[in-house]
Structures are given as C-alpha cells and as structure tokens.
Amino acid sequence: MQSGLFIGLLALAALVAVLRVYLSVRGARRGQAEDWDERLVKNLRAQGGDPFKPYEVDYFFDLPDQGACEQVAGALGTRGFSVDFRRVDPERGDRYTLHALKSQRISVPGMQATTREFKALAVQHRGRYDGWATAGITRAAARRDDGGAGPRR
C-alpha cells in the first residue's frame, strides 16, 4: 500500500515538474519581445528621451503578398498610421515588407501591448511582425545586458 502511494506521489511530482518547464518555456517565448520593447524604451530614456513627448515610431512587417499588405495597411490606416509597402528584392524571396509610421508617446506597457497586437495582426495575414524603431534608439546599446540604460545615478 505504501509503495503504491509513493509511486503515485512520485508520478505527480514528475507531472508537476514537466508542467512547470512547459509554462516556463512558454512564458520565456512571450517575454522575449516584451523584454526587447523594454530595452528599447529604457535605451531611449537613457539617451535623454522625454517620456511625455511624442516620437515618430516606425513599425515593420514581413508579409506574403500584396493582398496581405493592403489588408494590414487598411487596418492601420484607419488608426492614424501612415503606411507604405513594397515587394522585397526577388533574389531575397517572394515577400513584401510593410512600413507603418505614427507619432506617439512611448512607454514600456504601451509598446508591449502594440507588439502583442501587431504580432497577432501579422499572423492573421500569414506574415511576421518585425518590431519597431524610432530616432534616438541605437539597437546595439539596447542589446547590452543592462538594456542600454548604462550606470544608474
């Protein structure tokens, strides 16, 4: 009787361990983009960026065809984005790149929400959201371990 209980508890512990690993990996994947957004925003602040000032923010999508670009452009255009797209050099593939531009304030939660929304929009149109950038952010500094923030004062 006790050995059966021991085996049952052991199996339960193994199941819990597997579930924790799964949830950890799933959370890490979701968090990668959000960590990148946080690094870019922190880097902008470290370079003297004003959190209350709007910035011209560029957003980038990789989409499969002109029809997908037109649909994404339409969705973004109704929200005040300026949008342009073009076919990628055929030697690099048979895809399209879409660029959207909007003047807005930049905050960590806001950019993380936009990343989640734009990833879903891209997937809906069989594409990929490639992220955002704005003048004043250097991606090399954002890649540093401290998120580009440098020493704290």
N, C-alpha and C. Protein backbone atom coordinates (compact mmCIF):
# COMPACT_ATOMS: atom_id res chain seq x y z
N MET A 1 0.82 -1.19 0.00
CA MET A 1 0.00 0.00 0.00
C MET A 1 0.87 1.25 0.00
N GLN A 2 1.90 1.27 0.86
CA GLN A 2 2.76 2.45 0.94
C GLN A 2 3.58 2.62 -0.34
N SER A 3 4.01 1.52 -0.96
CA SER A 3 4.79 1.66 -2.19
C SER A 3 3.92 2.22 -3.33
N GLY A 4 2.64 1.86 -3.37
CA GLY A 4 1.73 2.41 -4.38
C GLY A 4 1.52 3.90 -4.19
N LEU A 5 1.41 4.32 -2.93
CA LEU A 5 1.26 5.74 -2.62
C LEU A 5 2.53 6.50 -3.00
N PHE A 6 3.68 5.90 -2.70
CA PHE A 6 4.96 6.52 -3.04
C PHE A 6 5.10 6.69 -4.56
N ILE A 7 4.74 5.68 -5.31
CA ILE A 7 4.83 5.74 -6.78
C ILE A 7 3.86 6.80 -7.31
N GLY A 8 2.66 6.87 -6.73
CA GLY A 8 1.69 7.88 -7.14
C GLY A 8 2.19 9.29 -6.89
N LEU A 9 2.79 9.50 -5.71
CA LEU A 9 3.35 10.83 -5.39
C LEU A 9 4.52 11.16 -6.30
N LEU A 10 5.33 10.18 -6.60
CA LEU A 10 6.47 10.38 -7.50
C LEU A 10 5.98 10.76 -8.90
N ALA A 11 4.95 10.08 -9.39
CA ALA A 11 4.39 10.40 -10.70
C ALA A 11 3.78 11.80 -10.71
N LEU A 12 3.10 12.17 -9.62
CA LEU A 12 2.53 13.51 -9.52
C LEU A 12 3.62 14.58 -9.52
N ALA A 13 4.71 14.33 -8.79
CA ALA A 13 5.83 15.27 -8.76
C ALA A 13 6.44 15.43 -10.15
N ALA A 14 6.57 14.33 -10.89
CA ALA A 14 7.13 14.39 -12.24
C ALA A 14 6.21 15.20 -13.15
N LEU A 15 4.91 14.99 -13.02
CA LEU A 15 3.95 15.73 -13.83
C LEU A 15 4.01 17.23 -13.53
N VAL A 16 4.11 17.59 -12.27
CA VAL A 16 4.22 18.99 -11.88
C VAL A 16 5.50 19.59 -12.45
N ALA A 17 6.61 18.85 -12.40
CA ALA A 17 7.88 19.34 -12.93
C ALA A 17 7.78 19.59 -14.44
N VAL A 18 7.17 18.67 -15.16
CA VAL A 18 7.01 18.84 -16.61
C VAL A 18 6.13 20.05 -16.91
N LEU A 19 5.06 20.21 -16.16
CA LEU A 19 4.18 21.36 -16.36
C LEU A 19 4.90 22.67 -16.08
N ARG A 20 5.71 22.73 -15.05
CA ARG A 20 6.47 23.95 -14.75
C ARG A 20 7.46 24.28 -15.86
N VAL A 21 8.12 23.29 -16.41
CA VAL A 21 9.07 23.52 -17.51
C VAL A 21 8.31 24.05 -18.73
N TYR A 22 7.18 23.43 -19.05
CA TYR A 22 6.38 23.88 -20.19
C TYR A 22 5.96 25.33 -20.03
N LEU A 23 5.42 25.67 -18.87
CA LEU A 23 4.96 27.04 -18.63
C LEU A 23 6.12 28.02 -18.64
N SER A 24 7.27 27.61 -18.16
CA SER A 24 8.44 28.47 -18.16
C SER A 24 8.90 28.78 -19.59
N VAL A 25 8.96 27.76 -20.43
CA VAL A 25 9.37 27.95 -21.83
C VAL A 25 8.35 28.81 -22.56
N ARG A 26 7.09 28.55 -22.35
CA ARG A 26 6.03 29.34 -22.99
C ARG A 26 6.11 30.80 -22.57
N GLY A 27 6.32 31.05 -21.30
CA GLY A 27 6.44 32.41 -20.80
C GLY A 27 7.69 33.09 -21.32
N ALA A 28 8.78 32.35 -21.46
CA ALA A 28 10.03 32.94 -21.97
C ALA A 28 9.85 33.39 -23.41
N ARG A 29 9.16 32.61 -24.21
CA ARG A 29 8.93 33.00 -25.61
C ARG A 29 8.11 34.27 -25.68
N ARG A 30 7.08 34.34 -24.88
CA ARG A 30 6.22 35.52 -24.87
C ARG A 30 7.00 36.73 -24.36
N GLY A 31 7.85 36.51 -23.38
CA GLY A 31 8.58 37.60 -22.76
C GLY A 31 9.73 38.16 -23.58
N GLN A 32 10.22 37.41 -24.57
CA GLN A 32 11.36 37.88 -25.35
C GLN A 32 11.05 39.20 -26.05
N ALA A 33 9.92 39.27 -26.73
CA ALA A 33 9.56 40.51 -27.43
C ALA A 33 9.31 41.62 -26.43
N GLU A 34 8.65 41.29 -25.32
CA GLU A 34 8.37 42.31 -24.32
C GLU A 34 9.67 42.81 -23.69
N ASP A 35 10.65 41.92 -23.48
CA ASP A 35 11.94 42.35 -22.97
C ASP A 35 12.62 43.28 -23.97
N TRP A 36 12.49 42.98 -25.25
CA TRP A 36 13.10 43.82 -26.29
C TRP A 36 12.45 45.21 -26.28
N ASP A 37 11.13 45.26 -26.17
CA ASP A 37 10.44 46.55 -26.09
C ASP A 37 10.94 47.33 -24.88
N GLU A 38 11.04 46.66 -23.75
CA GLU A 38 11.51 47.33 -22.54
C GLU A 38 12.93 47.87 -22.71
N ARG A 39 13.78 47.08 -23.33
CA ARG A 39 15.16 47.54 -23.56
C ARG A 39 15.21 48.76 -24.46
N LEU A 40 14.42 48.74 -25.52
CA LEU A 40 14.43 49.89 -26.44
C LEU A 40 13.92 51.15 -25.74
N VAL A 41 12.87 51.02 -24.96
CA VAL A 41 12.32 52.19 -24.26
C VAL A 41 13.33 52.69 -23.22
N LYS A 42 13.93 51.78 -22.47
CA LYS A 42 14.93 52.20 -21.47
C LYS A 42 16.12 52.87 -22.14
N ASN A 43 16.51 52.37 -23.30
CA ASN A 43 17.63 52.97 -24.02
C ASN A 43 17.29 54.38 -24.48
N LEU A 44 16.06 54.57 -24.95
CA LEU A 44 15.63 55.90 -25.36
C LEU A 44 15.67 56.86 -24.16
N ARG A 45 15.21 56.40 -23.00
CA ARG A 45 15.24 57.24 -21.80
C ARG A 45 16.67 57.54 -21.38
N ALA A 46 17.56 56.55 -21.49
CA ALA A 46 18.96 56.75 -21.11
C ALA A 46 19.64 57.77 -22.02
N GLN A 47 19.15 57.90 -23.24
CA GLN A 47 19.71 58.87 -24.18
C GLN A 47 19.01 60.22 -24.08
N GLY A 48 18.25 60.41 -23.01
CA GLY A 48 17.61 61.70 -22.78
C GLY A 48 16.22 61.83 -23.34
N GLY A 49 15.62 60.72 -23.76
CA GLY A 49 14.27 60.76 -24.31
C GLY A 49 13.25 61.22 -23.29
N ASP A 50 12.34 62.06 -23.72
CA ASP A 50 11.30 62.61 -22.87
C ASP A 50 10.07 61.69 -22.91
N PRO A 51 9.65 61.12 -21.77
CA PRO A 51 8.51 60.20 -21.77
C PRO A 51 7.18 60.87 -22.11
N PHE A 52 7.13 62.20 -22.09
CA PHE A 52 5.88 62.90 -22.38
C PHE A 52 5.83 63.47 -23.79
N LYS A 53 6.90 63.32 -24.53
CA LYS A 53 7.00 63.84 -25.89
C LYS A 53 6.64 62.74 -26.89
N PRO A 54 5.85 63.06 -27.89
CA PRO A 54 5.59 62.05 -28.94
C PRO A 54 6.81 61.88 -29.85
N TYR A 55 7.01 60.68 -30.32
CA TYR A 55 8.11 60.34 -31.24
C TYR A 55 7.52 59.73 -32.49
N GLU A 56 8.20 59.91 -33.61
CA GLU A 56 7.84 59.22 -34.84
C GLU A 56 8.32 57.77 -34.68
N VAL A 57 7.38 56.84 -34.62
CA VAL A 57 7.71 55.43 -34.42
C VAL A 57 7.46 54.68 -35.71
N ASP A 58 8.48 53.94 -36.14
CA ASP A 58 8.41 53.12 -37.34
C ASP A 58 8.14 51.67 -36.94
N TYR A 59 7.17 51.05 -37.60
CA TYR A 59 6.82 49.65 -37.36
C TYR A 59 7.05 48.87 -38.65
N PHE A 60 7.49 47.63 -38.53
CA PHE A 60 7.87 46.85 -39.70
C PHE A 60 7.20 45.47 -39.69
N PHE A 61 6.68 45.10 -40.87
CA PHE A 61 6.03 43.80 -41.05
C PHE A 61 6.64 43.11 -42.26
N ASP A 62 6.69 41.79 -42.22
CA ASP A 62 7.06 40.95 -43.35
C ASP A 62 5.79 40.19 -43.72
N LEU A 63 5.30 40.39 -44.96
CA LEU A 63 4.02 39.81 -45.36
C LEU A 63 4.18 39.04 -46.67
N PRO A 64 3.29 38.07 -46.92
CA PRO A 64 3.49 37.17 -48.06
C PRO A 64 3.15 37.74 -49.43
N ASP A 65 2.23 38.71 -49.49
CA ASP A 65 1.81 39.19 -50.81
C ASP A 65 1.18 40.58 -50.72
N GLN A 66 0.87 41.13 -51.87
CA GLN A 66 0.31 42.47 -51.93
C GLN A 66 -1.05 42.54 -51.26
N GLY A 67 -1.85 41.49 -51.41
CA GLY A 67 -3.17 41.47 -50.78
C GLY A 67 -3.09 41.57 -49.27
N ALA A 68 -2.17 40.84 -48.67
CA ALA A 68 -1.98 40.91 -47.22
C ALA A 68 -1.53 42.32 -46.82
N CYS A 69 -0.64 42.91 -47.61
CA CYS A 69 -0.18 44.28 -47.32
C CYS A 69 -1.34 45.26 -47.37
N GLU A 70 -2.20 45.12 -48.37
CA GLU A 70 -3.33 46.03 -48.50
C GLU A 70 -4.29 45.90 -47.31
N GLN A 71 -4.50 44.68 -46.84
CA GLN A 71 -5.38 44.48 -45.70
C GLN A 71 -4.79 45.06 -44.42
N VAL A 72 -3.50 44.81 -44.17
CA VAL A 72 -2.84 45.36 -42.98
C VAL A 72 -2.78 46.88 -43.08
N ALA A 73 -2.45 47.39 -44.27
CA ALA A 73 -2.39 48.84 -44.46
C ALA A 73 -3.76 49.48 -44.18
N GLY A 74 -4.82 48.83 -44.61
CA GLY A 74 -6.16 49.35 -44.35
C GLY A 74 -6.47 49.39 -42.86
N ALA A 75 -6.12 48.32 -42.16
CA ALA A 75 -6.38 48.26 -40.72
C ALA A 75 -5.58 49.33 -39.97
N LEU A 76 -4.34 49.52 -40.36
CA LEU A 76 -3.50 50.51 -39.68
C LEU A 76 -3.87 51.94 -40.09
N GLY A 77 -4.23 52.12 -41.34
CA GLY A 77 -4.59 53.44 -41.84
C GLY A 77 -5.78 54.04 -41.10
N THR A 78 -6.74 53.21 -40.74
CA THR A 78 -7.91 53.72 -40.02
C THR A 78 -7.56 54.15 -38.60
N ARG A 79 -6.36 53.78 -38.14
CA ARG A 79 -5.92 54.15 -36.79
C ARG A 79 -4.87 55.26 -36.80
N GLY A 80 -4.73 55.93 -37.93
CA GLY A 80 -3.84 57.08 -37.99
C GLY A 80 -2.41 56.79 -38.39
N PHE A 81 -2.12 55.58 -38.84
CA PHE A 81 -0.77 55.25 -39.29
C PHE A 81 -0.60 55.64 -40.74
N SER A 82 0.57 56.15 -41.09
CA SER A 82 0.96 56.30 -42.49
C SER A 82 1.61 54.98 -42.88
N VAL A 83 1.21 54.41 -44.01
CA VAL A 83 1.66 53.07 -44.37
C VAL A 83 2.17 53.06 -45.80
N ASP A 84 3.28 52.35 -46.00
CA ASP A 84 3.77 52.08 -47.34
C ASP A 84 4.29 50.65 -47.36
N PHE A 85 4.28 50.03 -48.52
CA PHE A 85 4.81 48.68 -48.65
C PHE A 85 5.42 48.49 -50.02
N ARG A 86 6.28 47.50 -50.10
CA ARG A 86 6.93 47.20 -51.38
C ARG A 86 7.34 45.74 -51.40
N ARG A 87 7.53 45.24 -52.60
CA ARG A 87 8.00 43.86 -52.76
C ARG A 87 9.49 43.82 -52.44
N VAL A 88 9.88 42.77 -51.74
CA VAL A 88 11.28 42.57 -51.41
C VAL A 88 12.01 42.15 -52.69
N ASP A 89 13.28 42.47 -52.78
CA ASP A 89 14.10 42.06 -53.91
C ASP A 89 13.88 40.56 -54.17
N PRO A 90 13.46 40.20 -55.39
CA PRO A 90 13.16 38.79 -55.70
C PRO A 90 14.30 37.82 -55.36
N GLU A 91 15.53 38.30 -55.39
CA GLU A 91 16.65 37.42 -55.05
C GLU A 91 16.64 37.04 -53.57
N ARG A 92 15.96 37.85 -52.76
CA ARG A 92 15.88 37.59 -51.31
C ARG A 92 14.59 36.89 -50.93
N GLY A 93 13.72 36.65 -51.88
CA GLY A 93 12.47 35.95 -51.59
C GLY A 93 11.29 36.63 -52.25
N ASP A 94 10.19 35.94 -52.23
CA ASP A 94 8.98 36.43 -52.86
C ASP A 94 8.03 36.95 -51.78
N ARG A 95 8.44 37.99 -51.07
CA ARG A 95 7.68 38.53 -49.95
C ARG A 95 7.55 40.04 -50.10
N TYR A 96 6.80 40.63 -49.19
CA TYR A 96 6.62 42.08 -49.15
C TYR A 96 7.02 42.60 -47.77
N THR A 97 7.49 43.82 -47.76
CA THR A 97 7.78 44.48 -46.49
C THR A 97 6.84 45.68 -46.35
N LEU A 98 6.25 45.80 -45.17
CA LEU A 98 5.33 46.89 -44.91
C LEU A 98 5.90 47.74 -43.79
N HIS A 99 5.83 49.05 -43.99
CA HIS A 99 6.33 50.02 -43.01
C HIS A 99 5.16 50.90 -42.60
N ALA A 100 4.96 51.05 -41.29
CA ALA A 100 3.91 51.93 -40.77
C ALA A 100 4.57 52.97 -39.88
N LEU A 101 4.07 54.17 -39.91
CA LEU A 101 4.65 55.28 -39.15
C LEU A 101 3.55 56.02 -38.40
N LYS A 102 3.83 56.34 -37.15
CA LYS A 102 2.86 57.10 -36.36
C LYS A 102 3.60 57.87 -35.28
N SER A 103 3.16 59.10 -35.03
CA SER A 103 3.71 59.91 -33.95
C SER A 103 2.95 59.56 -32.68
N GLN A 104 3.69 59.15 -31.65
CA GLN A 104 3.05 58.73 -30.40
C GLN A 104 4.02 58.78 -29.24
N ARG A 105 3.47 58.79 -28.04
CA ARG A 105 4.29 58.69 -26.84
C ARG A 105 4.73 57.25 -26.68
N ILE A 106 5.92 57.07 -26.12
CA ILE A 106 6.49 55.73 -25.98
C ILE A 106 6.59 55.37 -24.51
N SER A 107 5.96 54.25 -24.15
CA SER A 107 6.06 53.72 -22.79
C SER A 107 6.25 52.21 -22.90
N VAL A 108 6.82 51.62 -21.87
CA VAL A 108 7.04 50.17 -21.90
C VAL A 108 5.71 49.43 -22.06
N PRO A 109 4.70 49.68 -21.20
CA PRO A 109 3.46 48.92 -21.36
C PRO A 109 2.78 49.16 -22.72
N GLY A 110 2.83 50.40 -23.20
CA GLY A 110 2.22 50.71 -24.48
C GLY A 110 2.88 49.99 -25.63
N MET A 111 4.20 49.97 -25.64
CA MET A 111 4.92 49.31 -26.73
C MET A 111 4.77 47.79 -26.65
N GLN A 112 4.71 47.25 -25.43
CA GLN A 112 4.50 45.81 -25.29
C GLN A 112 3.10 45.43 -25.79
N ALA A 113 2.11 46.24 -25.50
CA ALA A 113 0.75 45.97 -25.98
C ALA A 113 0.70 46.05 -27.51
N THR A 114 1.39 47.04 -28.07
CA THR A 114 1.42 47.17 -29.53
C THR A 114 2.10 45.97 -30.16
N THR A 115 3.20 45.51 -29.56
CA THR A 115 3.89 44.34 -30.10
C THR A 115 2.98 43.12 -30.10
N ARG A 116 2.28 42.88 -29.01
CA ARG A 116 1.35 41.74 -28.97
C ARG A 116 0.27 41.88 -30.04
N GLU A 117 -0.30 43.07 -30.17
CA GLU A 117 -1.35 43.31 -31.16
C GLU A 117 -0.83 43.13 -32.58
N PHE A 118 0.35 43.69 -32.88
CA PHE A 118 0.87 43.63 -34.23
C PHE A 118 1.36 42.22 -34.59
N LYS A 119 1.83 41.48 -33.62
CA LYS A 119 2.18 40.07 -33.89
C LYS A 119 0.94 39.30 -34.31
N ALA A 120 -0.15 39.51 -33.59
CA ALA A 120 -1.41 38.82 -33.93
C ALA A 120 -1.91 39.27 -35.31
N LEU A 121 -1.81 40.56 -35.61
CA LEU A 121 -2.24 41.07 -36.91
C LEU A 121 -1.41 40.44 -38.03
N ALA A 122 -0.12 40.36 -37.83
CA ALA A 122 0.76 39.77 -38.85
C ALA A 122 0.44 38.29 -39.06
N VAL A 123 0.26 37.55 -37.99
CA VAL A 123 -0.06 36.13 -38.10
C VAL A 123 -1.39 35.93 -38.81
N GLN A 124 -2.35 36.78 -38.51
CA GLN A 124 -3.66 36.71 -39.15
C GLN A 124 -3.53 36.83 -40.67
N HIS A 125 -2.50 37.52 -41.14
CA HIS A 125 -2.30 37.72 -42.59
C HIS A 125 -1.10 36.93 -43.10
N ARG A 126 -0.77 35.84 -42.41
CA ARG A 126 0.29 34.91 -42.80
C ARG A 126 1.67 35.57 -42.87
N GLY A 127 1.90 36.53 -42.00
CA GLY A 127 3.16 37.26 -42.01
C GLY A 127 3.84 37.26 -40.65
N ARG A 128 4.76 38.20 -40.51
CA ARG A 128 5.54 38.33 -39.27
C ARG A 128 5.72 39.81 -38.95
N TYR A 129 5.57 40.13 -37.68
CA TYR A 129 5.84 41.49 -37.22
C TYR A 129 7.32 41.56 -36.88
N ASP A 130 8.03 42.53 -37.46
CA ASP A 130 9.47 42.64 -37.28
C ASP A 130 9.90 43.65 -36.23
N GLY A 131 8.98 44.32 -35.57
CA GLY A 131 9.35 45.22 -34.49
C GLY A 131 9.21 46.69 -34.87
N TRP A 132 9.78 47.52 -33.99
CA TRP A 132 9.65 48.96 -34.14
C TRP A 132 10.98 49.64 -33.86
N ALA A 133 11.06 50.90 -34.27
CA ALA A 133 12.25 51.71 -34.02
C ALA A 133 11.84 53.17 -34.05
N THR A 134 12.67 53.99 -33.48
CA THR A 134 12.46 55.43 -33.54
C THR A 134 13.82 56.11 -33.51
N ALA A 135 13.89 57.32 -34.00
CA ALA A 135 15.16 58.05 -33.98
C ALA A 135 15.62 58.18 -32.53
N GLY A 136 16.89 58.00 -32.31
CA GLY A 136 17.44 58.15 -30.97
C GLY A 136 17.71 56.84 -30.27
N ILE A 137 17.19 55.74 -30.81
CA ILE A 137 17.45 54.44 -30.18
C ILE A 137 18.49 53.72 -31.02
N THR A 138 19.58 53.36 -30.39
CA THR A 138 20.56 52.54 -31.07
C THR A 138 20.37 51.11 -30.61
N ARG A 139 20.13 50.22 -31.54
CA ARG A 139 19.86 48.82 -31.19
C ARG A 139 21.07 48.16 -30.54
N ALA A 140 22.28 48.57 -30.89
CA ALA A 140 23.46 47.97 -30.28
C ALA A 140 23.46 48.21 -28.78
N ALA A 141 23.12 49.42 -28.37
CA ALA A 141 23.08 49.71 -26.94
C ALA A 141 21.93 48.98 -26.27
N ALA A 142 20.83 48.80 -26.98
CA ALA A 142 19.69 48.08 -26.40
C ALA A 142 20.01 46.62 -26.18
N ARG A 143 20.98 46.08 -26.92
CA ARG A 143 21.36 44.68 -26.76
C ARG A 143 22.25 44.45 -25.54
N ARG A 144 22.81 45.51 -25.01
CA ARG A 144 23.68 45.34 -23.83
C ARG A 144 22.90 44.71 -22.70
N ASP A 145 23.58 44.05 -21.82
CA ASP A 145 22.92 43.36 -20.71
C ASP A 145 22.10 44.28 -19.84
N ASP A 146 22.50 45.54 -19.71
CA ASP A 146 21.77 46.45 -18.83
C ASP A 146 20.62 47.12 -19.58
N GLY A 147 20.32 46.62 -20.80
CA GLY A 147 19.21 47.19 -21.55
C GLY A 147 19.55 48.54 -22.15
N GLY A 148 20.83 48.89 -22.20
CA GLY A 148 21.24 50.16 -22.76
C GLY A 148 21.10 51.31 -21.78
N ALA A 149 20.73 51.00 -20.55
CA ALA A 149 20.47 52.07 -19.59
C ALA A 149 21.74 52.63 -18.99
N GLY A 150 22.83 51.91 -19.08
CA GLY A 150 24.09 52.39 -18.52
C GLY A 150 24.03 52.46 -17.00
N PRO A 151 24.98 53.15 -16.40
CA PRO A 151 25.00 53.21 -14.94
C PRO A 151 23.84 54.01 -14.38
N ARG A 152 23.34 53.58 -13.25
CA ARG A 152 22.25 54.29 -12.60
C ARG A 152 22.82 55.42 -11.76
N ARG A 153 22.08 56.52 -11.70
CA ARG A 153 22.53 57.68 -10.90
C ARG A 153 21.78 57.73 -9.62
